[in-house]
N, C-alpha and C. Protein backbone atom coordinates (compact mmCIF):
# COMPACT_ATOMS: atom_id res chain seq x y z
N MET A 1 5.32 -22.55 -18.06
CA MET A 1 5.75 -21.27 -17.55
C MET A 1 7.21 -21.07 -17.96
N LYS A 2 7.48 -19.97 -18.64
CA LYS A 2 8.83 -19.69 -19.12
C LYS A 2 9.44 -18.57 -18.30
N ILE A 3 10.52 -18.89 -17.63
CA ILE A 3 11.29 -17.92 -16.85
C ILE A 3 12.65 -17.80 -17.51
N ILE A 4 13.09 -16.57 -17.73
CA ILE A 4 14.39 -16.33 -18.34
C ILE A 4 15.26 -15.60 -17.33
N ILE A 5 16.42 -16.17 -17.05
CA ILE A 5 17.36 -15.59 -16.10
C ILE A 5 18.47 -14.88 -16.87
N ASN A 6 18.73 -13.64 -16.48
CA ASN A 6 19.83 -12.87 -17.06
C ASN A 6 20.96 -12.86 -16.03
N SER A 7 21.94 -13.71 -16.23
CA SER A 7 23.01 -13.86 -15.25
C SER A 7 23.93 -12.65 -15.21
N SER A 8 23.89 -11.80 -16.22
CA SER A 8 24.73 -10.60 -16.21
C SER A 8 24.00 -9.40 -15.59
N SER A 9 22.74 -9.59 -15.22
CA SER A 9 21.96 -8.52 -14.61
C SER A 9 22.42 -8.27 -13.18
N MET A 10 22.27 -7.04 -12.74
CA MET A 10 22.58 -6.69 -11.35
C MET A 10 21.45 -7.09 -10.41
N VAL A 11 20.29 -7.46 -10.98
CA VAL A 11 19.14 -7.89 -10.19
C VAL A 11 19.37 -9.33 -9.75
N PRO A 12 19.24 -9.61 -8.44
CA PRO A 12 19.43 -10.98 -7.96
C PRO A 12 18.50 -11.96 -8.68
N ILE A 13 18.96 -13.19 -8.85
CA ILE A 13 18.19 -14.19 -9.58
C ILE A 13 16.82 -14.43 -8.95
N TYR A 14 16.76 -14.50 -7.62
CA TYR A 14 15.45 -14.76 -6.99
C TYR A 14 14.47 -13.63 -7.29
N GLU A 15 14.97 -12.38 -7.40
CA GLU A 15 14.09 -11.25 -7.73
C GLU A 15 13.64 -11.33 -9.19
N GLN A 16 14.53 -11.79 -10.07
CA GLN A 16 14.15 -11.96 -11.48
C GLN A 16 13.01 -12.98 -11.58
N ILE A 17 13.12 -14.07 -10.82
CA ILE A 17 12.07 -15.09 -10.82
C ILE A 17 10.77 -14.50 -10.29
N MET A 18 10.86 -13.80 -9.17
CA MET A 18 9.67 -13.19 -8.58
C MET A 18 9.00 -12.22 -9.55
N ASP A 19 9.80 -11.34 -10.15
CA ASP A 19 9.25 -10.33 -11.05
C ASP A 19 8.54 -10.97 -12.24
N GLN A 20 9.12 -12.03 -12.78
CA GLN A 20 8.51 -12.67 -13.94
C GLN A 20 7.23 -13.42 -13.56
N ILE A 21 7.22 -14.05 -12.40
CA ILE A 21 6.00 -14.74 -11.96
C ILE A 21 4.91 -13.72 -11.65
N LYS A 22 5.26 -12.62 -10.99
CA LYS A 22 4.28 -11.55 -10.72
C LYS A 22 3.70 -11.03 -12.03
N ALA A 23 4.57 -10.83 -13.02
CA ALA A 23 4.11 -10.32 -14.31
C ALA A 23 3.13 -11.30 -14.97
N LEU A 24 3.43 -12.59 -14.87
CA LEU A 24 2.53 -13.60 -15.44
C LEU A 24 1.18 -13.61 -14.73
N ILE A 25 1.19 -13.41 -13.42
CA ILE A 25 -0.04 -13.37 -12.65
C ILE A 25 -0.83 -12.11 -12.99
N THR A 26 -0.15 -10.97 -13.00
CA THR A 26 -0.79 -9.70 -13.29
C THR A 26 -1.40 -9.69 -14.70
N ALA A 27 -0.69 -10.28 -15.66
CA ALA A 27 -1.18 -10.32 -17.04
C ALA A 27 -2.30 -11.34 -17.24
N GLY A 28 -2.52 -12.20 -16.24
CA GLY A 28 -3.57 -13.21 -16.36
C GLY A 28 -3.10 -14.50 -17.01
N ASP A 29 -1.81 -14.60 -17.30
CA ASP A 29 -1.28 -15.84 -17.88
C ASP A 29 -1.26 -16.96 -16.85
N LEU A 30 -1.06 -16.59 -15.59
CA LEU A 30 -1.20 -17.53 -14.48
C LEU A 30 -2.43 -17.11 -13.70
N LYS A 31 -3.34 -18.04 -13.49
CA LYS A 31 -4.60 -17.72 -12.83
C LYS A 31 -4.69 -18.40 -11.46
N GLU A 32 -5.67 -17.97 -10.70
CA GLU A 32 -5.91 -18.53 -9.38
C GLU A 32 -5.92 -20.05 -9.43
N ASN A 33 -5.20 -20.66 -8.48
CA ASN A 33 -5.09 -22.12 -8.32
C ASN A 33 -4.20 -22.81 -9.35
N ASP A 34 -3.61 -22.06 -10.29
CA ASP A 34 -2.62 -22.68 -11.18
C ASP A 34 -1.42 -23.09 -10.33
N ILE A 35 -0.88 -24.26 -10.63
CA ILE A 35 0.27 -24.74 -9.86
C ILE A 35 1.57 -24.28 -10.52
N LEU A 36 2.51 -23.85 -9.70
CA LEU A 36 3.83 -23.48 -10.20
C LEU A 36 4.70 -24.73 -10.22
N PRO A 37 5.75 -24.71 -11.03
CA PRO A 37 6.66 -25.86 -11.03
C PRO A 37 7.24 -26.04 -9.63
N SER A 38 7.57 -27.27 -9.28
CA SER A 38 8.18 -27.50 -7.97
C SER A 38 9.51 -26.77 -7.90
N VAL A 39 9.97 -26.53 -6.68
CA VAL A 39 11.24 -25.85 -6.47
C VAL A 39 12.35 -26.58 -7.20
N ARG A 40 12.41 -27.90 -7.04
CA ARG A 40 13.47 -28.68 -7.67
C ARG A 40 13.38 -28.64 -9.20
N THR A 41 12.18 -28.76 -9.71
CA THR A 41 11.99 -28.75 -11.17
C THR A 41 12.44 -27.42 -11.77
N LEU A 42 11.99 -26.31 -11.16
CA LEU A 42 12.36 -25.01 -11.70
C LEU A 42 13.87 -24.77 -11.56
N ALA A 43 14.43 -25.18 -10.43
CA ALA A 43 15.88 -25.04 -10.23
C ALA A 43 16.65 -25.81 -11.29
N LYS A 44 16.19 -27.03 -11.57
CA LYS A 44 16.86 -27.86 -12.59
C LYS A 44 16.73 -27.23 -13.97
N ASP A 45 15.51 -26.75 -14.31
CA ASP A 45 15.28 -26.13 -15.61
C ASP A 45 16.14 -24.88 -15.81
N LEU A 46 16.29 -24.10 -14.74
CA LEU A 46 17.04 -22.85 -14.83
C LEU A 46 18.53 -23.03 -14.54
N LYS A 47 18.89 -24.25 -14.11
CA LYS A 47 20.28 -24.57 -13.76
C LYS A 47 20.80 -23.65 -12.66
N ILE A 48 19.97 -23.51 -11.60
CA ILE A 48 20.33 -22.70 -10.45
C ILE A 48 20.05 -23.49 -9.18
N SER A 49 20.44 -22.94 -8.05
CA SER A 49 20.23 -23.60 -6.77
C SER A 49 18.75 -23.64 -6.41
N ALA A 50 18.34 -24.76 -5.82
CA ALA A 50 16.96 -24.88 -5.33
C ALA A 50 16.69 -23.85 -4.24
N LEU A 51 17.72 -23.46 -3.48
CA LEU A 51 17.54 -22.46 -2.43
C LEU A 51 17.15 -21.10 -3.01
N THR A 52 17.65 -20.80 -4.20
CA THR A 52 17.30 -19.54 -4.86
C THR A 52 15.83 -19.54 -5.24
N VAL A 53 15.36 -20.63 -5.82
CA VAL A 53 13.95 -20.75 -6.19
C VAL A 53 13.08 -20.72 -4.93
N LYS A 54 13.51 -21.41 -3.89
CA LYS A 54 12.76 -21.44 -2.63
C LYS A 54 12.61 -20.04 -2.07
N LYS A 55 13.68 -19.25 -2.13
CA LYS A 55 13.62 -17.87 -1.64
C LYS A 55 12.60 -17.06 -2.45
N ALA A 56 12.59 -17.22 -3.76
CA ALA A 56 11.62 -16.52 -4.61
C ALA A 56 10.20 -16.94 -4.25
N TYR A 57 9.97 -18.24 -4.11
CA TYR A 57 8.64 -18.74 -3.79
C TYR A 57 8.20 -18.26 -2.40
N ASP A 58 9.10 -18.29 -1.44
CA ASP A 58 8.76 -17.81 -0.08
C ASP A 58 8.36 -16.34 -0.11
N ASN A 59 9.12 -15.54 -0.84
CA ASN A 59 8.81 -14.11 -0.93
C ASN A 59 7.48 -13.86 -1.65
N LEU A 60 7.22 -14.64 -2.70
CA LEU A 60 5.93 -14.51 -3.39
C LEU A 60 4.78 -14.84 -2.46
N GLU A 61 4.99 -15.83 -1.61
CA GLU A 61 3.94 -16.19 -0.66
C GLU A 61 3.75 -15.10 0.38
N GLN A 62 4.85 -14.53 0.87
CA GLN A 62 4.76 -13.44 1.84
C GLN A 62 4.02 -12.24 1.27
N GLU A 63 4.20 -12.00 -0.02
CA GLU A 63 3.55 -10.87 -0.67
C GLU A 63 2.11 -11.18 -1.09
N GLY A 64 1.68 -12.43 -0.89
CA GLY A 64 0.30 -12.80 -1.17
C GLY A 64 0.01 -13.24 -2.60
N TYR A 65 1.05 -13.48 -3.38
CA TYR A 65 0.84 -13.92 -4.76
C TYR A 65 0.62 -15.42 -4.87
N THR A 66 1.19 -16.18 -3.94
CA THR A 66 1.08 -17.63 -4.01
C THR A 66 0.71 -18.20 -2.64
N VAL A 67 0.31 -19.45 -2.67
CA VAL A 67 0.02 -20.21 -1.46
C VAL A 67 0.71 -21.56 -1.62
N THR A 68 1.43 -21.98 -0.59
CA THR A 68 2.09 -23.28 -0.63
C THR A 68 1.33 -24.25 0.26
N VAL A 69 0.99 -25.39 -0.31
CA VAL A 69 0.33 -26.46 0.43
C VAL A 69 1.34 -27.57 0.60
N HIS A 70 1.71 -27.85 1.83
CA HIS A 70 2.74 -28.86 2.10
C HIS A 70 2.38 -30.18 1.46
N GLY A 71 3.30 -30.71 0.67
CA GLY A 71 3.08 -31.98 0.00
C GLY A 71 2.33 -31.88 -1.31
N LYS A 72 1.78 -30.71 -1.62
CA LYS A 72 1.00 -30.54 -2.85
C LYS A 72 1.68 -29.60 -3.83
N GLY A 73 2.31 -28.54 -3.32
CA GLY A 73 2.99 -27.61 -4.21
C GLY A 73 2.63 -26.17 -3.92
N THR A 74 3.07 -25.30 -4.82
CA THR A 74 2.83 -23.86 -4.71
C THR A 74 1.85 -23.46 -5.79
N PHE A 75 0.81 -22.74 -5.37
CA PHE A 75 -0.29 -22.37 -6.25
C PHE A 75 -0.45 -20.85 -6.28
N VAL A 76 -1.00 -20.35 -7.39
CA VAL A 76 -1.32 -18.93 -7.48
C VAL A 76 -2.47 -18.66 -6.51
N ALA A 77 -2.30 -17.62 -5.71
CA ALA A 77 -3.31 -17.26 -4.70
C ALA A 77 -4.52 -16.62 -5.38
N ALA A 78 -5.61 -16.58 -4.63
CA ALA A 78 -6.81 -15.90 -5.11
C ALA A 78 -6.46 -14.45 -5.42
N ALA A 79 -7.01 -13.96 -6.51
CA ALA A 79 -6.70 -12.60 -6.95
C ALA A 79 -7.23 -11.58 -5.95
N ASN A 80 -6.38 -10.66 -5.58
CA ASN A 80 -6.76 -9.54 -4.74
C ASN A 80 -6.81 -8.33 -5.68
N PRO A 81 -8.02 -7.85 -6.01
CA PRO A 81 -8.12 -6.76 -6.99
C PRO A 81 -7.32 -5.52 -6.62
N GLU A 82 -7.29 -5.20 -5.33
CA GLU A 82 -6.54 -4.02 -4.90
C GLU A 82 -5.04 -4.22 -5.13
N ARG A 83 -4.54 -5.41 -4.79
CA ARG A 83 -3.12 -5.69 -4.98
C ARG A 83 -2.77 -5.69 -6.46
N MET A 84 -3.65 -6.27 -7.28
CA MET A 84 -3.41 -6.31 -8.72
C MET A 84 -3.38 -4.90 -9.31
N MET A 85 -4.31 -4.04 -8.86
CA MET A 85 -4.35 -2.67 -9.36
C MET A 85 -3.10 -1.91 -8.91
N GLU A 86 -2.67 -2.13 -7.68
CA GLU A 86 -1.47 -1.48 -7.18
C GLU A 86 -0.24 -1.93 -7.97
N GLU A 87 -0.17 -3.20 -8.31
CA GLU A 87 0.95 -3.72 -9.09
C GLU A 87 0.96 -3.10 -10.49
N ARG A 88 -0.21 -3.00 -11.11
CA ARG A 88 -0.29 -2.38 -12.43
C ARG A 88 0.11 -0.91 -12.36
N ARG A 89 -0.37 -0.24 -11.32
CA ARG A 89 -0.04 1.18 -11.14
C ARG A 89 1.47 1.35 -10.97
N ARG A 90 2.09 0.45 -10.22
CA ARG A 90 3.54 0.51 -10.01
C ARG A 90 4.28 0.32 -11.32
N GLU A 91 3.81 -0.61 -12.16
CA GLU A 91 4.44 -0.85 -13.46
C GLU A 91 4.36 0.40 -14.34
N VAL A 92 3.20 1.04 -14.36
CA VAL A 92 3.04 2.26 -15.16
C VAL A 92 3.94 3.36 -14.61
N GLU A 93 3.99 3.48 -13.31
CA GLU A 93 4.85 4.48 -12.68
C GLU A 93 6.32 4.25 -13.05
N ASP A 94 6.76 3.00 -13.01
CA ASP A 94 8.13 2.67 -13.39
C ASP A 94 8.40 3.04 -14.85
N ASP A 95 7.45 2.72 -15.73
CA ASP A 95 7.62 3.05 -17.15
C ASP A 95 7.67 4.55 -17.37
N LEU A 96 6.82 5.29 -16.67
CA LEU A 96 6.83 6.75 -16.80
C LEU A 96 8.15 7.33 -16.28
N ALA A 97 8.63 6.80 -15.17
CA ALA A 97 9.91 7.27 -14.62
C ALA A 97 11.04 7.04 -15.61
N LYS A 98 11.04 5.88 -16.28
CA LYS A 98 12.06 5.59 -17.29
C LYS A 98 11.96 6.57 -18.47
N ALA A 99 10.72 6.88 -18.86
CA ALA A 99 10.53 7.81 -19.97
C ALA A 99 11.04 9.20 -19.60
N VAL A 100 10.77 9.64 -18.39
CA VAL A 100 11.25 10.95 -17.95
C VAL A 100 12.77 10.96 -17.92
N GLU A 101 13.37 9.90 -17.36
CA GLU A 101 14.84 9.80 -17.33
C GLU A 101 15.43 9.86 -18.74
N LYS A 102 14.80 9.14 -19.66
CA LYS A 102 15.30 9.13 -21.04
C LYS A 102 15.19 10.51 -21.67
N GLY A 103 14.06 11.17 -21.44
CA GLY A 103 13.88 12.53 -21.95
C GLY A 103 14.95 13.47 -21.43
N ARG A 104 15.24 13.37 -20.14
CA ARG A 104 16.27 14.23 -19.55
C ARG A 104 17.65 13.91 -20.12
N ARG A 105 17.94 12.60 -20.32
CA ARG A 105 19.22 12.21 -20.92
C ARG A 105 19.36 12.76 -22.34
N CYS A 106 18.24 12.88 -23.02
CA CYS A 106 18.26 13.40 -24.39
C CYS A 106 18.29 14.93 -24.43
N GLY A 107 18.30 15.54 -23.25
CA GLY A 107 18.43 16.99 -23.18
C GLY A 107 17.12 17.75 -23.16
N LEU A 108 16.01 17.04 -22.99
CA LEU A 108 14.72 17.73 -22.92
C LEU A 108 14.54 18.37 -21.54
N GLU A 109 13.92 19.53 -21.54
CA GLU A 109 13.55 20.19 -20.28
C GLU A 109 12.29 19.52 -19.74
N ASP A 110 12.07 19.64 -18.43
CA ASP A 110 10.87 19.04 -17.83
C ASP A 110 9.60 19.57 -18.48
N SER A 111 9.59 20.86 -18.84
CA SER A 111 8.40 21.44 -19.48
C SER A 111 8.14 20.77 -20.84
N GLU A 112 9.22 20.44 -21.56
CA GLU A 112 9.06 19.76 -22.85
C GLU A 112 8.54 18.34 -22.67
N ILE A 113 9.00 17.68 -21.61
CA ILE A 113 8.53 16.32 -21.31
C ILE A 113 7.05 16.36 -20.97
N ARG A 114 6.64 17.34 -20.15
CA ARG A 114 5.22 17.49 -19.80
C ARG A 114 4.37 17.75 -21.05
N GLU A 115 4.90 18.59 -21.94
CA GLU A 115 4.19 18.91 -23.18
C GLU A 115 4.01 17.66 -24.03
N LEU A 116 5.06 16.84 -24.14
CA LEU A 116 4.95 15.58 -24.88
C LEU A 116 3.92 14.66 -24.24
N PHE A 117 3.94 14.60 -22.92
CA PHE A 117 2.99 13.76 -22.19
C PHE A 117 1.55 14.20 -22.49
N GLU A 118 1.33 15.51 -22.46
CA GLU A 118 -0.01 16.03 -22.74
C GLU A 118 -0.45 15.71 -24.18
N LEU A 119 0.49 15.83 -25.13
CA LEU A 119 0.19 15.49 -26.51
C LEU A 119 -0.22 14.03 -26.65
N ILE A 120 0.53 13.18 -25.99
CA ILE A 120 0.24 11.74 -26.04
C ILE A 120 -1.12 11.45 -25.40
N MET A 121 -1.42 12.11 -24.30
CA MET A 121 -2.69 11.89 -23.60
C MET A 121 -3.89 12.34 -24.44
N GLU A 122 -3.69 13.30 -25.32
CA GLU A 122 -4.78 13.79 -26.16
C GLU A 122 -5.23 12.74 -27.18
N ASP A 123 -4.33 11.88 -27.60
CA ASP A 123 -4.64 10.87 -28.62
C ASP A 123 -5.55 9.81 -28.10
């Protein structure tokens, strides 16, 4: 599992870890019952505090992405199709919002952005 930390990002490191693990789960690269690296191992690999990794893992568990078994490790939780679909929908929504923002920054009117969207949808 490859996690990349951007230390110059405004996004907290634990959120970067969470987002990347969620993306791996959503994409199917991490499957149900796959074990995640231990907190200490991942902290050492990323050269960050174990508390930061622990916070990411705890939040992933609270959100239902992982399950921690004391003494065994942290595992990818059973797939919840509704949660997975909601996560994918959120990703698409975020991408569309970025596209609209970019269009507006480039001086396009909302009607022009809608027209472009319709053209793309026709393909």
